[in-house]
């Protein structure tokens, strides 16, 4: 067990006795300052010391531990403690420095299933949102035992925990990781995971599939050939809401990649499933409808993508419920009109573009900071503005759009690109490129989806969707009198 920690109770009493929150701060005496620093540093020192002790135990051969009366439950408890320590990113990185990462990865091959599962869980914590530790695990060849456990381990808990660790490592972000995943027949293992009776295993597999397809659009063909669409359709009727939503999301990804790829039989089956989902949604209570917000948007987006028309959820008033996505009051427009907006409002309705352009989009950034819009056309549609550009705070831009154009637009945040257009974004990143050129955004990203009509058939469909998560408040509305649309990112 861990040694006695620092005197936190004494530290609290000391803090309260020196400040009740009403007096101004004062300078500490040298003695008080030294006591305070020792009390604060003791926690870090104690954790590092304890992690070193755990490392020594992990380095000991299994038969030596057994000879000392150490049981598999004792090891699992020890790994539980280690997991608490490495929840801090700094401590997770220190685990490598003190020599603890390699023996931890060695526990992935332990003869006891509970230890293999717990070791994978600790690895998940080490690499979660931690690029440095992710790279260290790759360099230590840690992906190999994780893949082996996920694909071949007879224990479903071990397989589930290994898959969780693989997902946390974001294999789509590094070419060696995705190459190793493919060579190990990872997609076939994901297909097997979807057939498991474990709902938790299904969830993790579906989440990783969604992420991989977002990062590697070319893999849509692989999963289609492996029969994933049929499995997704089956899971779209699951009693578990997370499984159901993830399966619908997978179908949507594949449909966007090749909307006309399904046979008539598959389309009929998909329509039957979606109609069943719409029926179930229509019979939900008000409380359940609110909780099913993502599923409602997924069903509608999938229907539009596959059948080129909105679902009946819209006419039933079930797509956007009262109070959902209420736009931020546009106070500024009451006092002034930016030039592009004023031009749209006053445009001659009979005026036609000389170059045959059907519509125009006005993108407005109401944030103080810059955003980087990403644009992805549906299959067969042209890529507008090379799929991405920078839009400074307060800036507006007009984009010419052909008739019948359909696609999606999202905002990327905190991007950094070099002179060649390579870099990354904190949210909405598209394959590390300024110009997305057909690549989708990595969730979370608020998405505007649209299918625009023609001059003779001005029936347009558009919505703001949270199907890929939320990162920015966005709105869209028609302006003027002649096929002009205004999308706003609100800071």
Protein backbone atom coordinates (compact mmCIF):
# COMPACT_ATOMS: atom_id res chain seq x y z
CA UNK A 1 0.00 0.00 0.00
CA UNK A 2 1.07 3.61 -0.48
CA UNK A 3 3.10 5.23 2.28
CA UNK A 4 1.64 7.95 4.44
CA UNK A 5 1.18 11.05 2.30
CA UNK A 6 1.68 14.72 3.08
CA UNK A 7 -0.21 16.38 5.88
CA UNK A 8 -3.07 17.83 3.83
CA UNK A 9 -5.19 18.42 6.94
CA UNK A 10 -2.40 20.48 8.46
CA UNK A 11 -1.98 22.41 5.23
CA UNK A 12 -5.70 23.20 5.16
CA UNK A 13 -5.69 24.38 8.79
CA UNK A 14 -2.64 26.52 8.11
CA UNK A 15 -4.29 28.10 5.07
CA UNK A 16 -7.49 28.89 6.97
CA UNK A 17 -5.63 30.35 9.91
CA UNK A 18 -3.68 32.71 7.68
CA UNK A 19 -6.54 33.89 5.46
CA UNK A 20 -10.29 33.96 5.95
CA UNK A 21 -10.90 35.40 2.48
CA UNK A 22 -11.67 38.93 3.71
CA UNK A 23 -8.21 40.31 4.36
CA UNK A 24 -5.71 41.39 1.75
CA UNK A 25 -2.88 39.03 1.01
CA UNK A 26 0.40 39.37 2.86
CA UNK A 27 3.96 38.30 2.19
CA UNK A 28 4.95 34.96 3.71
CA UNK A 29 7.81 34.79 6.12
CA UNK A 30 10.76 32.69 5.00
CA UNK A 31 9.84 30.01 7.54
CA UNK A 32 6.19 29.86 6.36
CA UNK A 33 7.27 29.83 2.73
CA UNK A 34 9.67 26.92 3.33
CA UNK A 35 6.99 24.93 5.21
CA UNK A 36 4.43 25.55 2.48
CA UNK A 37 6.77 24.49 -0.35
CA UNK A 38 7.79 21.33 1.50
CA UNK A 39 4.12 20.44 2.06
CA UNK A 40 3.28 20.94 -1.63
CA UNK A 41 6.35 19.14 -2.96
CA UNK A 42 5.83 16.16 -0.67
CA UNK A 43 2.89 14.95 -2.72
CA UNK A 44 4.93 14.83 -5.97
CA UNK A 45 7.91 13.25 -4.26
CA UNK A 46 5.70 10.64 -2.66
CA UNK A 47 3.99 9.75 -5.95
CA UNK A 48 7.26 9.41 -7.85
CA UNK A 49 8.70 7.27 -5.06
CA UNK A 50 5.61 5.08 -5.06
CA UNK A 51 5.65 4.74 -8.87
CA UNK A 52 9.28 3.60 -8.64
CA UNK A 53 8.29 0.97 -6.07
CA UNK A 54 5.49 -0.25 -8.35
CA UNK A 55 7.94 -0.35 -11.25
CA UNK A 56 10.28 -2.62 -9.25
CA UNK A 57 7.38 -5.00 -8.59
CA UNK A 58 6.39 -5.01 -12.29
CA UNK A 59 9.99 -5.80 -13.25
CA UNK A 60 10.07 -8.88 -11.01
CA UNK A 61 9.41 -12.22 -12.81
CA UNK A 62 5.99 -13.73 -12.25
CA UNK A 63 7.32 -16.83 -10.48
CA UNK A 64 9.29 -14.68 -8.04
CA UNK A 65 6.17 -12.75 -7.08
CA UNK A 66 4.24 -15.98 -6.61
CA UNK A 67 6.98 -17.35 -4.36
CA UNK A 68 6.58 -14.27 -2.18
CA UNK A 69 2.85 -14.86 -1.85
CA UNK A 70 1.87 -12.06 -4.24
CA UNK A 71 -1.45 -12.95 -5.90
CA UNK A 72 -2.94 -11.74 -9.18
CA UNK A 73 -5.45 -9.72 -7.13
CA UNK A 74 -2.54 -7.97 -5.38
CA UNK A 75 -1.07 -7.06 -8.78
CA UNK A 76 -4.43 -5.81 -10.00
CA UNK A 77 -4.78 -3.62 -6.89
CA UNK A 78 -1.28 -2.26 -7.51
CA UNK A 79 -2.17 -1.43 -11.12
CA UNK A 80 -5.30 0.29 -9.84
CA UNK A 81 -3.10 2.54 -7.74
CA UNK A 82 -0.74 3.18 -10.65
CA UNK A 83 -3.68 4.18 -12.82
CA UNK A 84 -4.66 6.84 -10.30
CA UNK A 85 -1.15 8.29 -10.40
CA UNK A 86 -0.83 8.43 -14.21
CA UNK A 87 -4.11 10.29 -14.64
CA UNK A 88 -1.83 13.34 -14.52
CA UNK A 89 -0.16 13.82 -17.92
CA UNK A 90 3.11 14.76 -16.24
CA UNK A 91 3.06 11.59 -14.14
CA UNK A 92 2.15 9.54 -17.20
CA UNK A 93 5.24 10.86 -18.98
CA UNK A 94 7.34 10.29 -15.84
CA UNK A 95 6.36 6.61 -15.92
CA UNK A 96 8.64 6.19 -18.94
CA UNK A 97 11.43 8.22 -17.32
CA UNK A 98 11.55 5.97 -14.26
CA UNK A 99 11.50 2.80 -16.38
CA UNK A 100 7.91 1.77 -15.67
CA UNK A 101 6.38 1.86 -19.15
CA UNK A 102 8.11 -1.21 -20.58
CA UNK A 103 7.23 -3.55 -17.68
CA UNK A 104 3.66 -2.22 -17.77
CA UNK A 105 3.45 -3.23 -21.44
CA UNK A 106 4.90 -6.58 -20.44
CA UNK A 107 1.87 -7.17 -18.22
CA UNK A 108 -0.23 -7.23 -21.41
CA UNK A 109 1.21 -10.74 -21.89
CA UNK A 110 0.61 -11.89 -18.30
CA UNK A 111 -0.87 -15.35 -17.81
CA UNK A 112 -3.76 -13.93 -15.75
CA UNK A 113 -6.61 -12.40 -17.75
CA UNK A 114 -7.50 -9.89 -15.04
CA UNK A 115 -3.94 -8.51 -15.11
CA UNK A 116 -3.87 -8.31 -18.92
CA UNK A 117 -7.15 -6.40 -18.83
CA UNK A 118 -6.03 -4.03 -16.06
CA UNK A 119 -2.69 -3.36 -17.75
CA UNK A 120 -4.51 -2.32 -20.94
CA UNK A 121 -6.73 -0.04 -18.88
CA UNK A 122 -3.66 1.65 -17.35
CA UNK A 123 -2.12 2.04 -20.83
CA UNK A 124 -5.37 3.75 -21.92
CA UNK A 125 -4.96 6.27 -19.12
CA UNK A 126 -1.29 6.84 -19.93
CA UNK A 127 -1.90 7.67 -23.60
CA UNK A 128 -5.26 9.47 -23.29
CA UNK A 129 -4.85 12.98 -24.80
CA UNK A 130 -1.08 12.59 -24.41
CA UNK A 131 0.82 12.63 -27.75
CA UNK A 132 4.19 12.24 -26.04
CA UNK A 133 3.19 9.04 -24.24
CA UNK A 134 1.44 7.78 -27.38
CA UNK A 135 4.73 8.09 -29.24
CA UNK A 136 6.65 6.44 -26.39
CA UNK A 137 4.26 3.46 -26.43
CA UNK A 138 4.73 3.14 -30.21
CA UNK A 139 8.52 3.25 -29.82
CA UNK A 140 8.33 0.59 -27.10
CA UNK A 141 6.39 -1.66 -29.55
CA UNK A 142 3.34 -1.45 -27.30
CA UNK A 143 0.84 -1.55 -30.13
CA UNK A 144 1.73 -5.16 -30.99
CA UNK A 145 0.54 -6.81 -27.73
CA UNK A 146 -2.54 -4.57 -27.68
CA UNK A 147 -3.48 -5.69 -31.18
CA UNK A 148 -2.76 -9.30 -30.29
CA UNK A 149 -4.97 -9.14 -27.20
CA UNK A 150 -7.76 -7.39 -29.10
CA UNK A 151 -7.75 -9.91 -31.94
CA UNK A 152 -6.94 -13.25 -30.32
CA UNK A 153 -7.44 -13.15 -26.55
CA UNK A 154 -10.11 -15.64 -25.40
CA UNK A 155 -11.30 -13.31 -22.64
CA UNK A 156 -13.82 -10.70 -23.87
CA UNK A 157 -12.89 -8.24 -21.10
CA UNK A 158 -9.24 -8.37 -22.16
CA UNK A 159 -10.26 -7.79 -25.77
CA UNK A 160 -12.49 -4.87 -24.76
CA UNK A 161 -9.79 -3.18 -22.66
CA UNK A 162 -7.18 -3.69 -25.39
CA UNK A 163 -9.52 -2.12 -27.94
CA UNK A 164 -10.04 0.80 -25.56
CA UNK A 165 -6.29 1.36 -25.35
CA UNK A 166 -5.92 1.17 -29.14
CA UNK A 167 -8.70 3.74 -29.52
CA UNK A 168 -7.02 6.08 -27.03
CA UNK A 169 -3.82 5.88 -29.06
CA UNK A 170 -5.61 7.48 -32.03
CA UNK A 171 -4.10 5.11 -34.64
CA UNK A 172 -5.60 7.20 -37.42
CA UNK A 173 -3.22 10.05 -36.56
CA UNK A 174 -0.06 8.13 -37.41
CA UNK A 175 0.76 6.11 -40.49
CA UNK A 176 2.72 3.38 -38.65
CA UNK A 177 -0.23 2.82 -36.34
CA UNK A 178 -2.83 2.46 -39.08
CA UNK A 179 -0.47 0.31 -41.17
CA UNK A 180 0.08 -2.04 -38.23
CA UNK A 181 -3.67 -2.13 -37.60
CA UNK A 182 -4.35 -3.15 -41.20
CA UNK A 183 -1.56 -5.74 -41.33
CA UNK A 184 -2.90 -7.32 -38.15
CA UNK A 185 -6.29 -7.68 -39.86
CA UNK A 186 -7.72 -5.13 -37.46
CA UNK A 187 -10.85 -4.39 -39.47
CA UNK A 188 -11.82 -8.06 -39.50
CA UNK A 189 -11.37 -8.10 -35.72
CA UNK A 190 -13.60 -5.03 -35.45
CA UNK A 191 -16.23 -6.88 -37.49
CA UNK A 192 -16.02 -9.80 -35.05
CA UNK A 193 -16.32 -7.38 -32.13
CA UNK A 194 -19.59 -6.04 -33.55
CA UNK A 195 -20.96 -9.59 -33.43
CA UNK A 196 -20.12 -9.93 -29.74
CA UNK A 197 -22.85 -10.14 -27.11
CA UNK A 198 -20.98 -7.52 -25.07
CA UNK A 199 -22.59 -4.11 -25.63
CA UNK A 200 -19.52 -2.40 -24.24
CA UNK A 201 -17.32 -4.20 -26.76
CA UNK A 202 -19.67 -3.19 -29.56
CA UNK A 203 -19.59 0.47 -28.49
CA UNK A 204 -15.81 0.65 -28.46
CA UNK A 205 -15.56 -1.07 -31.84
CA UNK A 206 -18.11 1.27 -33.41
CA UNK A 207 -16.40 4.35 -32.00
CA UNK A 208 -13.02 3.28 -33.40
CA UNK A 209 -14.54 2.49 -36.80
CA UNK A 210 -16.12 5.95 -36.94
CA UNK A 211 -12.82 7.60 -36.07
CA UNK A 212 -10.82 5.56 -38.59
CA UNK A 213 -13.25 6.33 -41.40
CA UNK A 214 -13.13 10.03 -40.57
CA UNK A 215 -9.34 9.97 -40.75
CA UNK A 216 -8.94 7.58 -43.69
CA UNK A 217 -11.73 7.95 -46.25
CA UNK A 218 -10.12 5.33 -48.47
CA UNK A 219 -10.93 2.70 -45.83
CA UNK A 220 -14.65 3.03 -46.57
CA UNK A 221 -14.14 0.56 -49.41
CA UNK A 222 -12.45 -1.92 -47.06
CA UNK A 223 -15.26 -1.92 -44.50
CA UNK A 224 -17.86 -2.16 -47.26
CA UNK A 225 -16.15 -5.22 -48.75
CA UNK A 226 -15.99 -6.80 -45.30
CA UNK A 227 -19.76 -6.58 -44.94
CA UNK A 228 -19.94 -3.76 -42.36
CA UNK A 229 -23.05 -2.09 -43.92
CA UNK A 230 -25.16 -5.18 -43.23
CA UNK A 231 -23.86 -5.31 -39.63
CA UNK A 232 -24.49 -1.59 -39.15
CA UNK A 233 -28.08 -2.05 -40.34
CA UNK A 234 -28.59 -4.84 -37.81
CA UNK A 235 -27.12 -2.77 -34.96
CA UNK A 236 -29.19 0.29 -35.94
CA UNK A 237 -32.09 -1.50 -34.25
CA UNK A 238 -30.15 -2.26 -31.07
CA UNK A 239 -31.82 -1.66 -27.73
CA UNK A 240 -28.69 0.20 -26.59
CA UNK A 241 -28.92 3.85 -27.63
CA UNK A 242 -25.15 4.34 -27.96
CA UNK A 243 -24.79 1.28 -30.19
CA UNK A 244 -27.78 2.39 -32.25
CA UNK A 245 -26.43 5.92 -32.77
CA UNK A 246 -22.92 4.71 -33.59
CA UNK A 247 -24.28 2.22 -36.14
CA UNK A 248 -26.34 4.96 -37.81
CA UNK A 249 -23.25 7.15 -37.83
CA UNK A 250 -21.28 4.37 -39.55
CA UNK A 251 -23.97 4.00 -42.21
CA UNK A 252 -23.89 7.76 -42.76
CA UNK A 253 -20.11 7.76 -43.24
CA UNK A 254 -20.34 5.03 -45.87
CA UNK A 255 -23.30 6.68 -47.59
CA UNK A 256 -21.46 9.97 -47.86
CA UNK A 257 -18.48 8.22 -49.38
CA UNK A 258 -20.53 6.49 -52.10
CA UNK A 259 -24.20 7.44 -51.90
CA UNK A 260 -25.18 5.34 -54.93
CA UNK A 261 -23.17 2.25 -53.96
CA UNK A 262 -26.01 0.25 -52.38
CA UNK A 263 -28.08 -2.24 -54.32
CA UNK A 264 -31.83 -1.71 -54.56
CA UNK A 265 -32.30 -4.51 -52.04
CA UNK A 266 -29.93 -2.82 -49.57
CA UNK A 267 -31.65 0.53 -50.10
CA UNK A 268 -35.03 -1.06 -49.41
CA UNK A 269 -33.68 -2.64 -46.25
CA UNK A 270 -32.13 0.65 -45.11
CA UNK A 271 -35.38 2.52 -45.78
CA UNK A 272 -37.29 -0.09 -43.77
CA UNK A 273 -34.88 0.32 -40.83
CA UNK A 274 -35.05 4.12 -40.93
CA UNK A 275 -38.85 4.05 -41.12
CA UNK A 276 -38.86 1.81 -38.05
CA UNK A 277 -36.59 4.27 -36.24
CA UNK A 278 -38.87 7.17 -37.23
CA UNK A 279 -41.89 5.22 -35.93
CA UNK A 280 -40.13 4.56 -32.61
CA UNK A 281 -39.05 8.20 -32.33
CA UNK A 282 -42.61 9.37 -33.05
CA UNK A 283 -43.86 7.31 -30.11
CA UNK A 284 -41.27 8.62 -27.63
CA UNK A 285 -42.16 10.73 -24.63
CA UNK A 286 -41.05 14.35 -24.57
CA UNK A 287 -38.19 13.45 -22.23
CA UNK A 288 -36.99 10.58 -24.42
CA UNK A 289 -37.24 12.77 -27.53
CA UNK A 290 -34.84 15.24 -25.98
CA UNK A 291 -32.38 12.47 -25.16
CA UNK A 292 -32.67 11.13 -28.73
CA UNK A 293 -31.53 14.37 -30.33
CA UNK A 294 -28.45 12.86 -31.99
CA UNK A 295 -30.40 9.87 -33.28
CA UNK A 296 -33.05 12.15 -34.80
CA UNK A 297 -30.41 14.10 -36.71
CA UNK A 298 -28.61 10.94 -37.81
CA UNK A 299 -31.79 9.41 -39.20
CA UNK A 300 -32.65 12.58 -41.11
CA UNK A 301 -29.11 13.07 -42.46
CA UNK A 302 -28.95 9.45 -43.59
CA UNK A 303 -32.33 9.73 -45.32
CA UNK A 304 -31.27 12.89 -47.18
CA UNK A 305 -27.94 11.36 -48.22
CA UNK A 306 -29.43 8.10 -49.48
CA UNK A 307 -32.81 9.20 -50.85
CA UNK A 308 -32.22 12.89 -51.74
CA UNK A 309 -35.13 14.15 -49.68
CA UNK A 310 -35.72 15.00 -46.02
CA UNK A 311 -37.16 12.43 -43.68
CA UNK A 312 -40.70 12.65 -42.34
CA UNK A 313 -39.21 13.73 -39.00
CA UNK A 314 -39.19 17.28 -40.37
CA UNK A 315 -42.85 17.47 -41.34
CA UNK A 316 -43.76 15.87 -38.01
CA UNK A 317 -41.82 18.58 -36.19
CA UNK A 318 -39.54 16.01 -34.54
CA UNK A 319 -36.18 17.00 -36.03
CA UNK A 320 -35.76 20.24 -34.11
CA UNK A 321 -37.88 20.46 -30.96
CA UNK A 322 -39.04 23.75 -29.45
CA UNK A 323 -36.10 25.40 -27.71
CA UNK A 324 -33.44 23.37 -29.48
CA UNK A 325 -30.77 25.21 -31.45
CA UNK A 326 -32.39 28.55 -30.71
CA UNK A 327 -30.15 31.10 -32.46
CA UNK A 328 -28.28 33.71 -30.48
CA UNK A 329 -30.07 37.07 -30.84
CA UNK A 330 -28.48 38.91 -33.77
CA UNK A 331 -28.30 42.29 -32.03
CA UNK A 332 -25.60 43.63 -34.33
CA UNK A 333 -27.76 43.35 -37.46
CA UNK A 334 -30.27 45.73 -35.91
CA UNK A 335 -27.71 48.52 -35.95
CA UNK A 336 -25.62 47.95 -39.05
CA UNK A 337 -25.36 45.84 -42.17
CA UNK A 338 -22.01 44.53 -43.36
CA UNK A 339 -21.50 45.19 -47.09
CA UNK A 340 -22.10 41.60 -48.22
CA UNK A 341 -25.30 41.26 -46.25
CA UNK A 342 -26.63 44.59 -47.52
CA UNK A 343 -25.80 43.55 -51.09
CA UNK A 344 -27.73 40.32 -50.66
CA UNK A 345 -30.77 42.04 -49.15
CA UNK A 346 -30.97 44.55 -52.02
CA UNK A 347 -30.17 42.18 -54.87
CA UNK A 348 -32.49 42.22 -57.89
CA UNK A 349 -34.53 38.99 -57.77
CA UNK A 350 -34.46 38.73 -61.56
CA UNK A 351 -30.71 39.21 -61.72
CA UNK A 352 -28.87 36.11 -62.91
CA UNK A 353 -25.19 35.39 -62.65
CA UNK A 354 -23.36 35.73 -65.93
CA UNK A 355 -21.25 32.67 -65.25
CA UNK A 356 -24.18 30.35 -64.55
CA UNK A 357 -23.56 30.03 -60.80
CA UNK A 358 -26.74 28.87 -59.09
CA UNK A 359 -26.30 30.07 -55.50
CA UNK A 360 -24.03 32.10 -53.29
CA UNK A 361 -23.00 31.41 -49.72
CA UNK A 362 -21.92 34.20 -47.41
CA UNK A 363 -19.77 32.87 -44.58
CA UNK A 364 -19.50 35.22 -41.60
CA UNK A 365 -17.14 34.84 -38.64
CA UNK A 366 -18.60 36.66 -35.63
CA UNK A 367 -15.89 35.30 -33.33
CA UNK A 368 -13.02 37.46 -32.13
CA UNK A 369 -10.50 34.84 -33.16
CA UNK A 370 -9.91 33.29 -36.59
CA UNK A 371 -11.59 30.11 -37.72
CA UNK A 372 -10.75 27.86 -40.66
CA UNK A 373 -13.91 26.70 -42.48
CA UNK A 374 -13.79 23.22 -43.97
CA UNK A 375 -15.99 22.30 -46.94
CA UNK A 376 -16.78 18.79 -48.12
CA UNK A 377 -19.03 18.13 -51.10
CA UNK A 378 -21.10 14.98 -51.33
CA UNK A 379 -19.93 12.29 -53.75
CA UNK A 380 -19.73 13.68 -57.30
CA UNK A 381 -19.99 17.30 -56.13
CA UNK A 382 -17.26 19.90 -56.79
CA UNK A 383 -14.95 20.95 -53.97
CA UNK A 384 -15.54 24.61 -53.12
CA UNK A 385 -12.53 26.84 -52.30
CA UNK A 386 -10.27 23.76 -52.32
CA UNK A 387 -12.12 22.58 -49.23
CA UNK A 388 -10.68 25.03 -46.71
CA UNK A 389 -9.38 28.51 -45.92
CA UNK A 390 -8.83 30.97 -43.07
CA UNK A 391 -11.55 33.41 -42.04
CA UNK A 392 -10.44 36.09 -39.59
CA UNK A 393 -12.60 37.42 -36.78
CA UNK A 394 -15.32 39.72 -38.14
CA UNK A 395 -14.54 38.75 -41.74
CA UNK A 396 -17.10 37.74 -44.41
CA UNK A 397 -16.59 35.91 -47.68
CA UNK A 398 -18.86 35.07 -50.64
CA UNK A 399 -18.63 31.61 -52.25
CA UNK A 400 -20.29 30.82 -55.59
CA UNK A 401 -22.10 27.48 -55.50
CA UNK A 402 -23.51 25.56 -58.49
CA UNK A 403 -27.13 24.47 -58.64
CA UNK A 404 -28.03 21.19 -56.92
CA UNK A 405 -24.86 21.36 -54.83
CA UNK A 406 -24.91 19.31 -51.66
CA UNK A 407 -22.34 18.98 -48.93
CA UNK A 408 -21.29 20.14 -45.50
CA UNK A 409 -19.37 23.03 -43.97
CA UNK A 410 -17.80 23.15 -40.52
CA UNK A 411 -15.48 25.43 -38.57
CA UNK A 412 -11.98 24.47 -37.45
CA UNK A 413 -10.42 26.07 -34.38
CA UNK A 414 -6.90 26.93 -33.23
CA UNK A 415 -5.19 25.89 -36.47
CA UNK A 416 -1.50 26.22 -37.26
CA UNK A 417 -0.29 25.62 -40.82
CA UNK A 418 3.12 26.04 -42.40
CA UNK A 419 3.86 27.62 -45.77
CA UNK A 420 2.92 24.39 -47.57
CA UNK A 421 -0.51 24.23 -45.89
CA UNK A 422 0.38 21.36 -43.56
CA UNK A 423 -0.37 21.53 -39.85
CA UNK A 424 -3.21 20.75 -37.49
CA UNK A 425 -6.32 22.16 -35.80
CA UNK A 426 -7.51 21.71 -32.24
CA UNK A 427 -11.03 20.81 -33.48
CA UNK A 428 -12.42 19.89 -36.90
CA UNK A 429 -9.01 18.98 -38.32
CA UNK A 430 -9.05 17.49 -41.84
CA UNK A 431 -6.05 15.21 -42.33
CA UNK A 432 -3.65 17.93 -41.13
CA UNK A 433 -4.21 20.11 -44.20
CA UNK A 434 -5.34 23.72 -44.73
CA UNK A 435 -7.11 22.66 -47.93
CA UNK A 436 -9.36 19.73 -46.98
CA UNK A 437 -9.94 18.73 -50.64
CA UNK A 438 -12.57 16.12 -49.86
CA UNK A 439 -11.47 15.11 -46.36
CA UNK A 440 -14.00 15.38 -43.55
CA UNK A 441 -13.47 17.00 -40.18
CA UNK A 442 -12.46 15.06 -37.09
CA UNK A 443 -15.16 15.18 -34.39
CA UNK A 444 -16.15 17.17 -32.49
CA UNK A 445 -17.28 19.63 -35.15
CA UNK A 446 -20.58 21.46 -35.58
CA UNK A 447 -21.68 20.81 -39.17
CA UNK A 448 -23.97 22.70 -41.56
CA UNK A 449 -25.46 20.27 -44.09
CA UNK A 450 -27.26 21.40 -47.22
CA UNK A 451 -28.79 20.22 -50.48
CA UNK A 452 -29.64 23.20 -52.67
CA UNK A 453 -32.20 23.35 -55.46
CA UNK A 454 -32.29 25.07 -58.85
CA UNK A 455 -33.75 28.24 -60.32
CA UNK A 456 -36.75 26.26 -61.57
CA UNK A 457 -37.09 24.06 -58.50
CA UNK A 458 -36.06 26.24 -55.54
CA UNK A 459 -36.57 23.59 -52.88
CA UNK A 460 -33.62 23.62 -50.48
CA UNK A 461 -32.76 21.47 -47.48
CA UNK A 462 -30.34 22.60 -44.80
CA UNK A 463 -29.72 22.10 -41.12
CA UNK A 464 -27.16 22.61 -38.39
CA UNK A 465 -26.18 19.16 -37.18
CA UNK A 466 -24.45 17.91 -34.05
CA UNK A 467 -24.06 14.43 -35.50
CA UNK A 468 -20.26 14.87 -35.29
CA UNK A 469 -20.33 16.66 -31.94
CA UNK A 470 -20.17 20.38 -31.08
CA UNK A 471 -17.27 22.81 -31.28
CA UNK A 472 -18.74 26.16 -32.41
CA UNK A 473 -22.16 27.85 -32.30
CA UNK A 474 -23.31 28.10 -35.94
CA UNK A 475 -26.45 29.29 -37.74
CA UNK A 476 -27.63 29.37 -41.37
CA UNK A 477 -30.48 31.21 -43.06
CA UNK A 478 -31.53 32.46 -46.51
CA UNK A 479 -31.08 36.21 -47.11
CA UNK A 480 -32.21 38.45 -49.94
CA UNK A 481 -34.61 37.24 -52.57
CA UNK A 482 -32.50 35.21 -54.96
CA UNK A 483 -30.81 32.10 -53.67
CA UNK A 484 -28.32 33.70 -51.28
CA UNK A 485 -27.47 31.93 -48.03
CA UNK A 486 -25.75 33.28 -44.96
CA UNK A 487 -23.89 31.06 -42.53
CA UNK A 488 -22.69 32.58 -39.28
CA UNK A 489 -20.19 31.33 -36.70
CA UNK A 490 -21.09 33.14 -33.50
CA UNK A 491 -18.30 33.89 -31.03
